[in-house]
Amino acid sequence: MQEEAKTIVDGVAVSGGIATLAGWLPDLTALLTIVWLSLRIWESDTVRRMVGHGQKQGSESQSQ
């Protein structure tokens, strides 16, 4: 998915989360919002570096 499309879906997800908190949307929407935002956070460069998934393949061979 292109970055522009991800940004749009992020906006929709945040709006869905706020609407769910306000009681306007059903529980399924809340679940989908939580799943989407969790995946986006997990894919972020910061989290990938924290858990070690952001390492380049060349750096693994140099550390051994």
C-alpha atoms as a PDB file:
ATOM      1  CA  MET A   1       0.000   0.000   0.000  1.00  0.00           C
ATOM      2  CA  GLN A   2       1.329   3.439  -0.841  1.00  0.00           C
ATOM      3  CA  GLU A   3       2.171   5.861   1.940  1.00  0.00           C
ATOM      4  CA  GLU A   4      -0.561   8.330   0.890  1.00  0.00           C
ATOM      5  CA  ALA A   5      -3.210   5.618   1.144  1.00  0.00           C
ATOM      6  CA  LYS A   6      -1.894   4.555   4.560  1.00  0.00           C
ATOM      7  CA  THR A   7      -2.139   8.152   5.776  1.00  0.00           C
ATOM      8  CA  ILE A   8      -5.756   8.373   4.642  1.00  0.00           C
ATOM      9  CA  VAL A   9      -6.631   5.066   6.329  1.00  0.00           C
ATOM     10  CA  ASP A  10      -4.853   6.277   9.489  1.00  0.00           C
ATOM     11  CA  GLY A  11      -7.089   9.349   9.515  1.00  0.00           C
ATOM     12  CA  VAL A  12     -10.184   7.208   9.059  1.00  0.00           C
ATOM     13  CA  ALA A  13      -9.013   4.871  11.846  1.00  0.00           C
ATOM     14  CA  VAL A  14      -8.414   7.713  14.284  1.00  0.00           C
ATOM     15  CA  SER A  15     -11.803   9.211  13.414  1.00  0.00           C
ATOM     16  CA  GLY A  16     -13.357   5.787  13.939  1.00  0.00           C
ATOM     17  CA  GLY A  17     -11.669   5.480  17.315  1.00  0.00           C
ATOM     18  CA  ILE A  18     -12.961   8.859  18.429  1.00  0.00           C
ATOM     19  CA  ALA A  19     -16.450   8.068  17.125  1.00  0.00           C
ATOM     20  CA  THR A  20     -16.406   4.752  18.979  1.00  0.00           C
ATOM     21  CA  LEU A  21     -15.424   6.467  22.215  1.00  0.00           C
ATOM     22  CA  ALA A  22     -18.330   8.847  21.679  1.00  0.00           C
ATOM     23  CA  GLY A  23     -20.629   5.831  21.281  1.00  0.00           C
ATOM     24  CA  TRP A  24     -21.512   6.432  17.629  1.00  0.00           C
ATOM     25  CA  LEU A  25     -20.123   3.247  16.089  1.00  0.00           C
ATOM     26  CA  PRO A  26     -20.490  -0.450  16.932  1.00  0.00           C
ATOM     27  CA  ASP A  27     -17.922  -2.581  18.686  1.00  0.00           C
ATOM     28  CA  LEU A  28     -16.678  -4.198  15.463  1.00  0.00           C
ATOM     29  CA  THR A  29     -15.503  -0.806  14.234  1.00  0.00           C
ATOM     30  CA  ALA A  30     -13.633  -0.287  17.488  1.00  0.00           C
ATOM     31  CA  LEU A  31     -11.921  -3.654  17.083  1.00  0.00           C
ATOM     32  CA  LEU A  32     -10.892  -2.910  13.494  1.00  0.00           C
ATOM     33  CA  THR A  33      -9.567   0.489  14.568  1.00  0.00           C
ATOM     34  CA  ILE A  34      -7.470  -1.068  17.333  1.00  0.00           C
ATOM     35  CA  VAL A  35      -6.088  -3.717  14.965  1.00  0.00           C
ATOM     36  CA  TRP A  36      -5.203  -1.185  12.233  1.00  0.00           C
ATOM     37  CA  LEU A  37      -3.524   1.288  14.577  1.00  0.00           C
ATOM     38  CA  SER A  38      -1.643  -1.514  16.345  1.00  0.00           C
ATOM     39  CA  LEU A  39      -0.271  -2.751  13.018  1.00  0.00           C
ATOM     40  CA  ARG A  40       0.761   0.777  12.017  1.00  0.00           C
ATOM     41  CA  ILE A  41       2.536   1.314  15.329  1.00  0.00           C
ATOM     42  CA  TRP A  42       4.251  -2.097  15.046  1.00  0.00           C
ATOM     43  CA  GLU A  43       5.478  -1.208  11.515  1.00  0.00           C
ATOM     44  CA  SER A  44       6.873   2.144  12.596  1.00  0.00           C
ATOM     45  CA  ASP A  45      10.633   2.620  12.359  1.00  0.00           C
ATOM     46  CA  THR A  46      10.906   3.407  16.078  1.00  0.00           C
ATOM     47  CA  VAL A  47       9.273   0.155  17.221  1.00  0.00           C
ATOM     48  CA  ARG A  48      11.157  -1.897  14.620  1.00  0.00           C
ATOM     49  CA  ARG A  49      14.457  -0.518  15.955  1.00  0.00           C
ATOM     50  CA  MET A  50      13.390  -1.165  19.561  1.00  0.00           C
ATOM     51  CA  VAL A  51      12.639  -4.847  18.903  1.00  0.00           C
ATOM     52  CA  GLY A  52      15.543  -5.340  16.520  1.00  0.00           C
ATOM     53  CA  HIS A  53      13.548  -5.898  13.330  1.00  0.00           C
ATOM     54  CA  GLY A  54      14.902  -2.789  11.666  1.00  0.00           C
ATOM     55  CA  GLN A  55      18.479  -4.052  11.350  1.00  0.00           C
ATOM     56  CA  LYS A  56      19.979  -4.255   7.905  1.00  0.00           C
ATOM     57  CA  GLN A  57      21.108  -7.669   6.750  1.00  0.00           C
ATOM     58  CA  GLY A  58      24.725  -6.507   6.453  1.00  0.00           C
ATOM     59  CA  SER A  59      24.867  -5.386  10.080  1.00  0.00           C
ATOM     60  CA  GLU A  60      24.004  -8.893  11.328  1.00  0.00           C
ATOM     61  CA  SER A  61      26.981 -10.453   9.595  1.00  0.00           C
ATOM     62  CA  GLN A  62      29.340  -7.739  10.860  1.00  0.00           C
ATOM     63  CA  SER A  63      28.338  -8.303  14.512  1.00  0.00           C
ATOM     64  CA  GLN A  64      29.129 -12.030  14.419  1.00  0.00           C
END
